[in-house]
Amino acid sequence: MKIYLDPGHGGTDPGAQGNGLNEKDVTLSIALKLRDILINEYHNVEVRMSRTGDTTKSLGQRTSDANAWGADYYLSIHINSASPAANGYEDFIYNGLSDSSSAARYQAIIHEEVIKVNELADRGRKKANFHVLRESKMPAMLSENGFISNAHDSALMKQEAWLQKVARGHANGLARAFNLQRKANPSTAPAPAPVPTSTPTPANTVSGTLYRVMVGSFHSRENADERVARLRSLGHDAFVVTTTISGATWYRVQVGAFTDRENAEQRLKIMEIAGFTDAFIIVENSGSSVGGGAASSGSSGGGGSSAPVAGTGTNSGSSGSSPNAGTGTGTSTGTSGGNGPTVGSTVGSNGDAVTNRGVASGSIPVQQNPPVNSIFGPTLLSPELMDRFVRTVNPDAPKLANYYLTYGEYYGIRGDIAFAQAIHETNFFRFTAVVKPGQDNFAGIGATGPDNPGASFQTPEEGVLAHMQHLYAYATTSPLPNQYPVVDPRFHLVARGSAPTWTGLNGKWAVPGTTYGQSILDLYKRMVQFSIQTLETIRGEATR
């Protein structure tokens, strides 16, 4: 039995922080204890860990390592964060799996065993589109072991005995789920080789400057929770951080914390390209702002976004300075709901140095998690930006991008790159090859020549659904999730799992097609560049 343990976060990413704790330290402590229990007390168990010390590992590196090792089970250990009132334990499996799947059966058993011993409220068994659950080839579960933001839960996290209980609960669950056989005399089993250990350290002891990437700041907790759900559906690890500004409570949504400014700006750029243009960076342990405008508290607007302030100037901020300190002025611009382009800076907070970096550099973000060539991954570009791009060439193009976002999220596929593939197949939806507009066949499914124009679909939405199902067939051997009927007529004719990357489609989707995938990625890069330039233009117009 090969069990892969993944203590969340690590290295330059401390994860959630609160009550003097870093998530990365608590998760590592639990995982190391769990590893020791499994190796010392059970026969025929191999354990591999994504990290055994305070090291930085991307999500892609973690799942790739587990997949290459051939793990039988993937267990990711995390700590939650939200409002001070939120508390308890919950766990997740991939939301594309049924309740009768093996992952769901294992989750039920492990959940039951953990709840027996962890002294936490039971928040239930759940599903989500988290990267480690979606991209792991084996059954996988992610556990959230209490809230670091809650006084009761965090007090337990500081107790060595409690950390051992949580590890024991996970071990008991794994033993039941996989029928592990106990050793006759566990105490005599050889101990594993010593590895670096870590104990929880205060959150404010992070050395140097820490750059936190936030995606929105809200008066309403409900709006913040909706933003978290949206980000998590796109594969981003998001949670709510509560702060007080001038006596008012604000709920910020954090998607990363970095000691390297460049990494934080890369994450910010990805958020902006995804349509979350109310994203901003908070700089901790820094005496002054590194950019942005005069910070001002906006009100909740539209579908839950804040009403940010656009402006220029330098925040004089040191600890205790007013959130409005600064020389810049600006015009309040309310934002609409959804993921269309929005404009502005963001709220500040007492002692926070805030920046809302523009997109003038025009560089295409390096996508490390997952690689841009992967068919599976989050959709980063907003539907409005995608539709705008295609209409720069074909003003009469149908608005299909929202379908690519919706079905991309459901199947875990990069909907924006699939949209670029549709542009490539249809010549910007002008249908200048053998497939005709009335077929709603945006992927050229089954089209081989003038005498065989391929499949036809009843509606444009059904055509997009077929496209995404065809990509799913190429990208994985996993069963097709069953919420939608199989409308791809060639789904069962594909060599399943034969092309998990866009360039892997070369010679398969198109023949000879030796550069087919590269052409799709080139179109995607053009869309990214267009999106950056569009957002820059919108920001410029808002400040004039």
Protein backbone atom coordinates (compact mmCIF):
# COMPACT_ATOMS: atom_id res chain seq x y z
CA MET A 1 0.00 0.00 0.00
CA LYS A 2 1.53 3.29 -1.14
CA ILE A 3 0.18 6.36 0.66
CA TYR A 4 1.16 9.86 -0.41
CA LEU A 5 0.96 12.47 2.36
CA ASP A 6 0.81 16.12 1.35
CA PRO A 7 1.17 18.68 4.17
CA GLY A 8 -0.27 21.86 2.68
CA HIS A 9 1.80 24.95 1.84
CA GLY A 10 5.42 25.33 3.00
CA GLY A 11 8.53 27.40 2.36
CA THR A 12 7.67 30.82 0.98
CA ASP A 13 3.95 30.03 1.26
CA PRO A 14 2.94 30.00 4.95
CA GLY A 15 -0.71 29.27 4.15
CA ALA A 16 -3.33 30.59 6.53
CA GLN A 17 -2.10 32.48 9.58
CA GLY A 18 -3.73 33.39 12.85
CA ASN A 19 -3.46 33.27 16.61
CA GLY A 20 0.32 33.01 16.42
CA LEU A 21 0.36 30.04 14.01
CA ASN A 22 1.33 29.32 10.42
CA GLU A 23 -0.70 26.70 8.58
CA LYS A 24 2.42 25.23 6.95
CA ASP A 25 3.89 24.33 10.35
CA VAL A 26 0.75 22.71 11.75
CA THR A 27 0.13 20.61 8.63
CA LEU A 28 3.73 19.40 8.55
CA SER A 29 3.62 18.40 12.21
CA ILE A 30 0.45 16.34 11.69
CA ALA A 31 1.77 14.71 8.52
CA LEU A 32 5.09 13.70 10.08
CA LYS A 33 3.28 12.12 13.02
CA LEU A 34 0.90 10.32 10.68
CA ARG A 35 3.79 9.00 8.61
CA ASP A 36 5.49 7.60 11.71
CA ILE A 37 2.30 5.85 12.87
CA LEU A 38 1.74 4.22 9.48
CA ILE A 39 5.33 3.01 9.05
CA ASN A 40 5.86 1.89 12.63
CA GLU A 41 2.52 0.19 13.28
CA TYR A 42 1.36 -1.39 10.02
CA HIS A 43 2.67 -4.04 7.63
CA ASN A 44 3.31 -3.39 3.93
CA VAL A 45 2.81 0.37 3.99
CA GLU A 46 5.01 2.74 2.03
CA VAL A 47 4.71 6.46 2.72
CA ARG A 48 5.98 9.29 0.55
CA MET A 49 5.59 12.96 1.49
CA SER A 50 5.43 16.04 -0.70
CA ARG A 51 7.73 17.70 1.82
CA THR A 52 9.35 16.72 5.10
CA GLY A 53 10.62 20.18 5.98
CA ASP A 54 9.80 23.83 5.38
CA THR A 55 10.21 23.75 1.61
CA THR A 56 8.28 25.32 -1.26
CA LYS A 57 6.40 22.94 -3.55
CA SER A 58 3.86 23.90 -6.21
CA LEU A 59 0.58 22.00 -6.45
CA GLY A 60 1.70 20.63 -9.81
CA GLN A 61 4.92 19.28 -8.31
CA ARG A 62 2.97 17.53 -5.56
CA THR A 63 0.50 15.72 -7.80
CA SER A 64 3.13 14.93 -10.43
CA ASP A 65 5.32 13.37 -7.75
CA ALA A 66 2.44 11.25 -6.42
CA ASN A 67 1.40 10.16 -9.91
CA ALA A 68 4.95 9.24 -10.93
CA TRP A 69 5.46 7.27 -7.71
CA GLY A 70 2.28 5.30 -8.38
CA ALA A 71 0.59 6.10 -5.07
CA ASP A 72 -2.53 4.15 -4.14
CA TYR A 73 -3.98 7.03 -2.12
CA TYR A 74 -3.36 10.78 -1.86
CA LEU A 75 -4.05 12.57 1.43
CA SER A 76 -3.61 16.34 1.62
CA ILE A 77 -3.61 17.89 5.10
CA HIS A 78 -4.68 21.51 5.61
CA ILE A 79 -5.89 24.01 8.21
CA ASN A 80 -8.85 26.29 7.53
CA SER A 81 -9.29 30.04 8.01
CA ALA A 82 -12.35 32.29 7.96
CA SER A 83 -14.11 34.53 10.47
CA PRO A 84 -13.25 34.10 14.18
CA ALA A 85 -16.59 32.35 14.67
CA ALA A 86 -16.00 29.62 12.06
CA ASN A 87 -14.77 26.35 13.54
CA GLY A 88 -14.62 22.62 13.01
CA TYR A 89 -13.39 19.85 10.74
CA GLU A 90 -14.33 19.06 7.14
CA ASP A 91 -12.83 17.10 4.28
CA PHE A 92 -13.14 17.08 0.50
CA ILE A 93 -12.99 14.80 -2.51
CA TYR A 94 -13.09 15.88 -6.18
CA ASN A 95 -16.47 17.29 -7.18
CA GLY A 96 -16.52 15.29 -10.40
CA LEU A 97 -16.86 12.02 -8.46
CA SER A 98 -20.07 10.27 -7.50
CA ASP A 99 -21.09 9.39 -3.96
CA SER A 100 -20.51 5.73 -4.81
CA SER A 101 -16.91 6.26 -5.98
CA SER A 102 -14.02 4.66 -4.14
CA ALA A 103 -12.81 8.11 -3.07
CA ALA A 104 -16.21 8.82 -1.48
CA ARG A 105 -16.18 5.48 0.36
CA TYR A 106 -12.70 6.11 1.73
CA GLN A 107 -13.67 9.66 2.70
CA ALA A 108 -16.65 8.43 4.74
CA ILE A 109 -14.46 6.04 6.72
CA ILE A 110 -11.59 8.45 7.35
CA HIS A 111 -14.00 11.26 8.24
CA GLU A 112 -15.68 9.07 10.84
CA GLU A 113 -12.39 8.09 12.47
CA VAL A 114 -10.96 11.62 12.56
CA ILE A 115 -14.10 13.09 14.11
CA LYS A 116 -13.94 10.51 16.91
CA VAL A 117 -10.71 11.97 18.30
CA ASN A 118 -10.11 15.53 17.09
CA GLU A 119 -12.37 17.46 19.54
CA LEU A 120 -13.70 19.62 16.69
CA ALA A 121 -17.18 20.34 15.40
CA ASP A 122 -18.20 18.19 12.42
CA ARG A 123 -18.72 20.37 9.32
CA GLY A 124 -19.35 17.35 7.13
CA ARG A 125 -17.99 15.59 4.06
CA LYS A 126 -17.77 17.82 0.98
CA LYS A 127 -16.61 18.00 -2.63
CA ALA A 128 -14.50 20.61 -4.42
CA ASN A 129 -12.50 21.21 -7.59
CA PHE A 130 -9.13 21.47 -5.80
CA HIS A 131 -6.03 20.82 -7.90
CA VAL A 132 -4.69 18.00 -5.72
CA LEU A 133 -8.04 16.20 -5.88
CA ARG A 134 -8.52 16.68 -9.60
CA GLU A 135 -5.00 16.06 -10.89
CA SER A 136 -4.08 13.04 -8.75
CA LYS A 137 -4.57 9.79 -10.65
CA MET A 138 -5.40 7.84 -7.50
CA PRO A 139 -8.29 8.34 -5.03
CA ALA A 140 -7.60 11.49 -3.03
CA MET A 141 -8.91 13.44 -0.07
CA LEU A 142 -8.10 16.83 1.45
CA SER A 143 -8.77 17.35 5.17
CA GLU A 144 -9.26 20.77 6.81
CA ASN A 145 -8.34 20.27 10.46
CA GLY A 146 -9.90 23.18 12.27
CA PHE A 147 -9.76 26.95 11.80
CA ILE A 148 -6.54 28.77 12.57
CA SER A 149 -8.67 31.93 12.85
CA ASN A 150 -10.79 30.47 15.68
CA ALA A 151 -9.64 30.78 19.30
CA HIS A 152 -10.79 27.28 20.34
CA ASP A 153 -9.42 25.44 17.31
CA SER A 154 -6.10 27.30 17.25
CA ALA A 155 -5.57 26.66 20.97
CA LEU A 156 -5.78 22.94 20.22
CA MET A 157 -3.29 23.31 17.37
CA LYS A 158 -0.67 24.52 19.85
CA GLN A 159 -0.92 21.26 21.83
CA GLU A 160 1.41 18.43 20.88
CA ALA A 161 -1.07 15.89 22.25
CA TRP A 162 -3.82 17.21 19.95
CA LEU A 163 -1.60 17.08 16.87
CA GLN A 164 -0.90 13.44 17.73
CA LYS A 165 -4.64 12.77 18.10
CA VAL A 166 -5.36 14.20 14.67
CA ALA A 167 -2.59 12.10 13.14
CA ARG A 168 -3.96 9.05 14.94
CA GLY A 169 -7.48 9.71 13.65
CA HIS A 170 -6.22 9.86 10.05
CA ALA A 171 -4.19 6.70 10.58
CA ASN A 172 -7.18 4.85 12.02
CA GLY A 173 -9.24 5.90 9.03
CA LEU A 174 -6.61 4.78 6.54
CA ALA A 175 -6.23 1.46 8.35
CA ARG A 176 -9.99 0.82 8.19
CA ALA A 177 -10.37 2.01 4.61
CA PHE A 178 -7.54 -0.10 3.23
CA ASN A 179 -7.64 -3.00 5.71
CA LEU A 180 -4.09 -2.37 6.88
CA GLN A 181 -2.65 -5.11 9.07
CA ARG A 182 -1.12 -4.07 12.38
CA LYS A 183 2.30 -5.28 13.37
CA ALA A 184 2.44 -7.67 16.31
CA ASN A 185 4.75 -5.43 18.33
CA PRO A 186 4.71 -1.94 16.86
CA SER A 187 7.01 -0.52 19.51
CA THR A 188 9.92 -2.63 18.22
CA ALA A 189 9.54 -1.54 14.63
CA PRO A 190 12.51 0.40 13.29
CA ALA A 191 11.99 4.16 13.35
CA PRO A 192 12.24 6.02 10.08
CA ALA A 193 15.31 8.04 9.31
CA PRO A 194 15.28 11.40 11.11
CA VAL A 195 14.02 14.33 9.08
CA PRO A 196 13.81 18.02 9.80
CA THR A 197 10.85 18.80 12.04
CA SER A 198 9.02 21.99 12.57
CA THR A 199 6.97 23.36 15.42
CA PRO A 200 4.35 26.04 15.02
CA THR A 201 5.86 29.51 15.08
CA PRO A 202 4.12 32.85 15.50
CA ALA A 203 2.70 34.26 12.30
CA ASN A 204 4.49 37.55 12.85
CA THR A 205 7.93 35.96 12.83
CA VAL A 206 8.09 35.60 9.03
CA SER A 207 11.44 37.11 8.17
CA GLY A 208 11.63 40.04 5.76
CA THR A 209 8.70 41.28 3.75
CA LEU A 210 5.61 39.17 3.06
CA TYR A 211 3.41 39.88 0.03
CA ARG A 212 -0.19 38.76 0.40
CA VAL A 213 -2.35 38.57 -2.72
CA MET A 214 -5.97 39.48 -2.06
CA VAL A 215 -8.87 39.19 -4.50
CA GLY A 216 -11.46 41.62 -3.26
CA SER A 217 -12.44 43.22 0.04
CA PHE A 218 -16.09 43.10 1.08
CA HIS A 219 -18.49 44.52 3.67
CA SER A 220 -20.54 41.34 3.34
CA ARG A 221 -19.19 38.00 4.55
CA GLU A 222 -21.60 36.28 2.16
CA ASN A 223 -20.05 38.11 -0.80
CA ALA A 224 -16.57 37.14 0.36
CA ASP A 225 -17.62 33.49 0.71
CA GLU A 226 -19.06 33.59 -2.82
CA ARG A 227 -15.71 34.88 -4.10
CA VAL A 228 -13.87 32.07 -2.27
CA ALA A 229 -16.18 29.49 -3.83
CA ARG A 230 -15.61 31.00 -7.25
CA LEU A 231 -11.83 30.98 -6.87
CA ARG A 232 -11.80 27.44 -5.52
CA SER A 233 -13.92 26.28 -8.46
CA LEU A 234 -11.14 27.62 -10.69
CA GLY A 235 -8.52 25.65 -8.77
CA HIS A 236 -7.16 28.42 -6.54
CA ASP A 237 -6.62 27.89 -2.79
CA ALA A 238 -8.57 30.84 -1.37
CA PHE A 239 -9.80 31.75 2.08
CA VAL A 240 -11.26 34.74 3.95
CA VAL A 241 -9.20 37.07 6.13
CA THR A 242 -11.07 39.48 8.40
CA THR A 243 -9.77 42.98 9.15
CA THR A 244 -11.12 46.16 10.75
CA ILE A 245 -10.86 49.56 9.08
CA SER A 246 -12.09 52.68 10.88
CA GLY A 247 -14.27 50.54 13.10
CA ALA A 248 -15.85 48.65 10.19
CA THR A 249 -15.30 44.95 9.49
CA TRP A 250 -14.00 43.99 6.04
CA TYR A 251 -13.68 40.50 4.62
CA ARG A 252 -10.73 40.01 2.29
CA VAL A 253 -10.13 36.96 0.12
CA GLN A 254 -6.52 35.75 0.08
CA VAL A 255 -5.08 33.57 -2.70
CA GLY A 256 -1.43 33.47 -1.74
CA ALA A 257 1.35 34.84 0.44
CA PHE A 258 4.91 35.14 -0.86
CA THR A 259 8.28 36.32 0.35
CA ASP A 260 9.25 37.04 -3.26
CA ARG A 261 7.59 40.12 -4.75
CA GLU A 262 7.88 38.77 -8.30
CA ASN A 263 5.93 35.62 -7.38
CA ALA A 264 3.21 37.72 -5.78
CA GLU A 265 2.93 39.95 -8.84
CA GLN A 266 2.70 36.89 -11.08
CA ARG A 267 -0.22 35.61 -9.00
CA LEU A 268 -1.80 39.07 -9.11
CA LYS A 269 -1.48 39.16 -12.90
CA ILE A 270 -3.18 35.77 -13.19
CA MET A 271 -6.04 37.01 -11.01
CA GLU A 272 -6.46 40.11 -13.17
CA ILE A 273 -6.43 38.11 -16.39
CA ALA A 274 -9.06 35.81 -14.88
CA GLY A 275 -11.29 38.86 -14.57
CA PHE A 276 -10.70 39.58 -10.86
CA THR A 277 -9.44 43.12 -11.36
CA ASP A 278 -10.15 44.04 -7.76
CA ALA A 279 -7.08 41.98 -6.81
CA PHE A 280 -4.33 43.70 -4.85
CA ILE A 281 -1.18 43.05 -2.83
CA ILE A 282 -0.70 43.81 0.85
CA VAL A 283 2.91 44.29 1.90
CA GLU A 284 3.66 43.34 5.50
CA ASN A 285 6.74 44.45 7.46
CA SER A 286 7.22 47.31 5.03
CA GLY A 287 7.16 50.96 5.98
CA SER A 288 5.70 52.35 2.78
CA SER A 289 3.52 51.43 -0.11
CA VAL A 290 5.14 50.25 -3.32
CA GLY A 291 2.49 51.69 -5.57
CA GLY A 292 -1.21 52.11 -6.02
CA GLY A 293 -3.53 54.87 -5.04
CA ALA A 294 -4.92 56.46 -1.98
CA ALA A 295 -6.70 53.63 -0.28
CA SER A 296 -10.34 54.12 0.51
CA SER A 297 -13.03 51.81 1.75
CA GLY A 298 -15.46 50.98 -1.05
CA SER A 299 -18.93 49.66 -0.61
CA SER A 300 -20.15 46.33 -1.83
CA GLY A 301 -21.48 46.62 -5.37
CA GLY A 302 -22.99 44.60 -8.17
CA GLY A 303 -22.66 40.90 -7.73
CA GLY A 304 -20.55 41.24 -4.62
CA SER A 305 -17.42 43.06 -5.73
CA SER A 306 -16.15 46.04 -3.80
CA ALA A 307 -16.35 49.56 -5.14
CA PRO A 308 -12.65 50.39 -5.40
CA VAL A 309 -10.96 53.72 -5.82
CA ALA A 310 -8.66 54.40 -8.73
CA GLY A 311 -5.86 56.88 -8.22
CA THR A 312 -2.18 57.51 -7.93
CA GLY A 313 0.02 58.40 -5.03
CA THR A 314 2.09 56.98 -2.22
CA ASN A 315 0.65 55.64 0.97
CA SER A 316 2.63 57.00 3.89
CA GLY A 317 1.57 53.94 5.85
CA SER A 318 3.37 52.65 8.83
CA SER A 319 1.73 50.73 11.61
CA GLY A 320 -1.23 52.70 12.83
CA SER A 321 -1.51 55.15 9.94
CA SER A 322 -4.88 55.98 8.48
CA PRO A 323 -6.00 53.79 5.57
CA ASN A 324 -6.64 56.99 3.65
CA ALA A 325 -3.15 58.39 4.17
CA GLY A 326 -1.56 59.32 0.89
CA THR A 327 -1.33 62.04 -1.69
CA GLY A 328 -3.26 60.43 -4.53
CA THR A 329 -6.87 61.09 -5.35
CA GLY A 330 -9.24 59.17 -7.52
CA THR A 331 -12.78 58.57 -8.60
CA SER A 332 -14.88 55.85 -7.07
CA THR A 333 -15.95 53.35 -9.71
CA GLY A 334 -18.47 50.70 -8.72
CA THR A 335 -17.87 47.28 -10.21
CA SER A 336 -20.25 44.83 -11.73
CA GLY A 337 -20.74 41.27 -10.60
CA GLY A 338 -19.25 38.33 -12.42
CA ASN A 339 -15.89 38.22 -14.08
CA GLY A 340 -16.01 41.02 -16.62
CA PRO A 341 -13.24 43.60 -16.60
CA THR A 342 -13.55 46.01 -13.70
CA VAL A 343 -11.49 48.95 -12.71
CA GLY A 344 -9.77 50.37 -9.70
CA SER A 345 -7.55 50.13 -6.71
CA THR A 346 -8.69 48.72 -3.40
CA VAL A 347 -9.23 49.32 0.26
CA GLY A 348 -6.33 49.72 2.61
CA SER A 349 -6.14 48.85 6.29
CA ASN A 350 -4.50 50.22 9.36
CA GLY A 351 -0.80 49.61 9.00
CA ASP A 352 -1.10 47.87 5.62
CA ALA A 353 0.93 49.07 2.69
CA VAL A 354 -1.24 48.41 -0.33
CA THR A 355 -0.53 48.16 -4.01
CA ASN A 356 -2.77 47.42 -6.94
CA ARG A 357 -0.21 46.91 -9.65
CA GLY A 358 -1.28 47.71 -13.19
CA VAL A 359 -0.78 45.48 -16.20
CA ALA A 360 1.42 47.74 -18.24
CA SER A 361 4.28 45.29 -18.50
CA GLY A 362 2.30 43.18 -20.94
CA SER A 363 4.20 40.01 -20.10
CA ILE A 364 2.40 36.70 -20.44
CA PRO A 365 2.31 35.00 -17.04
CA VAL A 366 4.36 31.88 -16.54
CA GLN A 367 1.83 29.26 -15.53
CA GLN A 368 3.54 26.81 -13.28
CA ASN A 369 0.55 25.31 -11.60
CA PRO A 370 -0.47 23.60 -13.79
CA PRO A 371 1.80 24.08 -16.83
CA VAL A 372 0.10 26.04 -19.61
CA ASN A 373 0.43 22.98 -21.87
CA SER A 374 -1.82 20.90 -19.61
CA ILE A 375 -5.36 20.31 -20.84
CA PHE A 376 -6.52 20.11 -17.22
CA GLY A 377 -6.39 23.27 -15.15
CA PRO A 378 -8.32 26.42 -14.23
CA THR A 379 -9.84 28.80 -16.76
CA LEU A 380 -7.96 32.07 -16.24
CA LEU A 381 -9.42 34.44 -18.81
CA SER A 382 -12.86 35.93 -18.24
CA PRO A 383 -15.60 35.11 -20.79
CA GLU A 384 -16.05 38.78 -21.62
CA LEU A 385 -12.37 39.17 -22.52
CA MET A 386 -12.44 36.00 -24.62
CA ASP A 387 -15.51 37.12 -26.54
CA ARG A 388 -14.00 40.56 -27.01
CA PHE A 389 -10.85 39.01 -28.46
CA VAL A 390 -12.62 36.92 -31.09
CA ARG A 391 -14.76 39.89 -32.14
CA THR A 392 -11.67 41.91 -32.99
CA VAL A 393 -11.42 39.60 -36.01
CA ASN A 394 -15.04 38.54 -36.49
CA PRO A 395 -17.51 41.16 -35.19
CA ASP A 396 -20.39 38.75 -35.81
CA ALA A 397 -18.91 35.88 -33.81
CA PRO A 398 -21.34 34.15 -31.40
CA LYS A 399 -20.75 34.68 -27.68
CA LEU A 400 -19.66 31.22 -26.60
CA ALA A 401 -16.97 31.91 -24.00
CA ASN A 402 -19.28 31.52 -21.02
CA TYR A 403 -20.08 27.96 -22.12
CA TYR A 404 -16.37 27.20 -22.24
CA LEU A 405 -15.97 28.58 -18.73
CA THR A 406 -18.94 26.61 -17.36
CA TYR A 407 -18.04 23.24 -18.86
CA GLY A 408 -14.34 23.86 -18.31
CA GLU A 409 -14.99 24.23 -14.60
CA TYR A 410 -17.11 21.09 -14.50
CA TYR A 411 -14.62 18.85 -16.31
CA GLY A 412 -11.53 20.57 -14.85
CA ILE A 413 -10.35 21.61 -18.33
CA ARG A 414 -8.71 24.89 -19.34
CA GLY A 415 -11.80 26.47 -20.89
CA ASP A 416 -9.88 29.47 -22.19
CA ILE A 417 -7.41 27.33 -24.14
CA ALA A 418 -10.27 25.14 -25.39
CA PHE A 419 -11.85 28.38 -26.63
CA ALA A 420 -8.58 29.15 -28.46
CA GLN A 421 -8.81 25.67 -30.01
CA ALA A 422 -12.34 26.47 -31.22
CA ILE A 423 -11.05 29.71 -32.74
CA HIS A 424 -8.35 27.72 -34.53
CA GLU A 425 -10.79 25.09 -35.80
CA THR A 426 -13.39 27.58 -37.06
CA ASN A 427 -11.15 30.48 -38.17
CA PHE A 428 -12.62 32.83 -35.56
CA PHE A 429 -16.08 31.25 -35.97
CA ARG A 430 -16.20 32.19 -39.65
CA PHE A 431 -16.32 28.48 -40.66
CA THR A 432 -14.18 28.80 -43.77
CA ALA A 433 -13.35 25.06 -43.93
CA VAL A 434 -15.58 21.99 -44.29
CA VAL A 435 -17.61 22.45 -41.07
CA LYS A 436 -20.50 24.90 -41.54
CA PRO A 437 -22.07 27.30 -39.00
CA GLY A 438 -25.34 25.43 -38.61
CA GLN A 439 -23.52 22.34 -37.35
CA ASP A 440 -22.44 24.05 -34.08
CA ASN A 441 -19.36 21.83 -34.30
CA PHE A 442 -16.68 24.12 -32.91
CA ALA A 443 -14.07 21.41 -32.49
CA GLY A 444 -14.26 19.82 -35.94
CA ILE A 445 -15.34 16.53 -34.38
CA GLY A 446 -15.51 13.85 -37.07
CA ALA A 447 -14.71 16.23 -39.92
CA THR A 448 -12.29 14.63 -42.39
CA GLY A 449 -12.94 16.42 -45.69
CA PRO A 450 -15.54 17.99 -48.02
CA ASP A 451 -17.46 14.73 -48.22
CA ASN A 452 -17.51 14.30 -44.45
CA PRO A 453 -18.08 17.59 -42.58
CA GLY A 454 -18.39 15.76 -39.27
CA ALA A 455 -20.89 15.87 -36.41
CA SER A 456 -23.75 18.30 -35.96
CA PHE A 457 -25.28 19.44 -32.66
CA GLN A 458 -28.68 20.82 -31.75
CA THR A 459 -27.49 24.04 -30.07
CA PRO A 460 -24.24 26.00 -29.67
CA GLU A 461 -24.16 25.00 -26.00
CA GLU A 462 -24.36 21.32 -26.92
CA GLY A 463 -21.54 21.85 -29.41
CA VAL A 464 -19.31 23.29 -26.68
CA LEU A 465 -20.24 20.44 -24.33
CA ALA A 466 -19.23 17.90 -27.00
CA HIS A 467 -15.94 19.73 -27.49
CA MET A 468 -15.11 19.56 -23.77
CA GLN A 469 -16.09 15.89 -23.55
CA HIS A 470 -13.83 15.10 -26.50
CA LEU A 471 -10.93 16.85 -24.77
CA TYR A 472 -11.69 14.95 -21.56
CA ALA A 473 -11.51 11.67 -23.45
CA TYR A 474 -8.04 12.52 -24.75
CA ALA A 475 -6.74 13.93 -21.46
CA THR A 476 -7.65 11.19 -18.97
CA THR A 477 -8.73 7.59 -18.54
CA SER A 478 -11.10 8.56 -15.70
CA PRO A 479 -14.82 7.93 -16.24
CA LEU A 480 -16.76 10.90 -17.59
CA PRO A 481 -18.66 12.65 -14.76
CA ASN A 482 -22.34 11.91 -15.18
CA GLN A 483 -24.10 15.26 -14.66
CA TYR A 484 -24.35 15.82 -18.43
CA PRO A 485 -25.24 13.25 -21.11
CA VAL A 486 -22.54 12.10 -23.52
CA VAL A 487 -23.12 14.20 -26.62
CA ASP A 488 -19.69 13.66 -28.19
CA PRO A 489 -20.37 10.96 -30.80
CA ARG A 490 -16.70 9.95 -30.90
CA PHE A 491 -15.99 9.87 -27.15
CA HIS A 492 -15.65 6.09 -27.05
CA LEU A 493 -13.46 6.02 -30.17
CA VAL A 494 -10.68 8.08 -28.59
CA ALA A 495 -7.56 6.40 -27.19
CA ARG A 496 -8.37 7.43 -23.62
CA GLY A 497 -5.65 9.36 -21.82
CA SER A 498 -3.40 9.46 -24.88
CA ALA A 499 -3.02 13.27 -24.89
CA PRO A 500 -3.06 15.03 -21.50
CA THR A 501 -1.41 18.11 -23.07
CA TRP A 502 -2.34 20.40 -25.94
CA THR A 503 0.78 19.49 -27.90
CA GLY A 504 -0.07 15.86 -27.22
CA LEU A 505 -2.99 16.36 -29.60
CA ASN A 506 -0.53 16.69 -32.49
CA GLY A 507 -1.29 14.02 -35.07
CA LYS A 508 -4.38 12.90 -33.12
CA TRP A 509 -6.97 15.67 -33.26
CA ALA A 510 -5.65 16.81 -36.63
CA VAL A 511 -3.64 14.82 -39.19
CA PRO A 512 -0.81 15.30 -39.86
CA GLY A 513 -1.10 18.21 -37.38
CA THR A 514 2.55 18.21 -36.36
CA THR A 515 2.20 21.70 -34.84
CA TYR A 516 -1.50 21.57 -34.00
CA GLY A 517 -1.11 22.08 -30.24
CA GLN A 518 1.47 24.82 -30.71
CA SER A 519 -0.98 26.73 -32.91
CA ILE A 520 -3.63 26.56 -30.20
CA LEU A 521 -1.20 27.79 -27.54
CA ASP A 522 -0.06 30.63 -29.80
CA LEU A 523 -3.67 31.76 -30.16
CA TYR A 524 -4.10 31.53 -26.40
CA LYS A 525 -1.04 33.73 -25.87
CA ARG A 526 -2.54 36.27 -28.24
CA MET A 527 -5.71 36.25 -26.12
CA VAL A 528 -3.66 36.77 -22.98
CA GLN A 529 -1.80 39.68 -24.54
CA PHE A 530 -5.09 41.19 -25.72
CA SER A 531 -6.55 40.79 -22.22
CA ILE A 532 -3.60 42.55 -20.61
CA GLN A 533 -3.80 45.44 -23.07
CA THR A 534 -7.57 45.71 -22.65
CA LEU A 535 -7.33 45.87 -18.86
CA GLU A 536 -4.56 48.45 -19.13
CA THR A 537 -6.74 50.59 -21.39
CA ILE A 538 -9.71 50.34 -19.04
CA ARG A 539 -7.56 51.35 -16.08
CA GLY A 540 -6.10 54.28 -18.02
CA GLU A 541 -9.54 55.55 -18.98
CA ALA A 542 -10.74 55.31 -15.38
CA THR A 543 -7.92 57.51 -14.09
CA ARG A 544 -8.39 60.28 -16.66
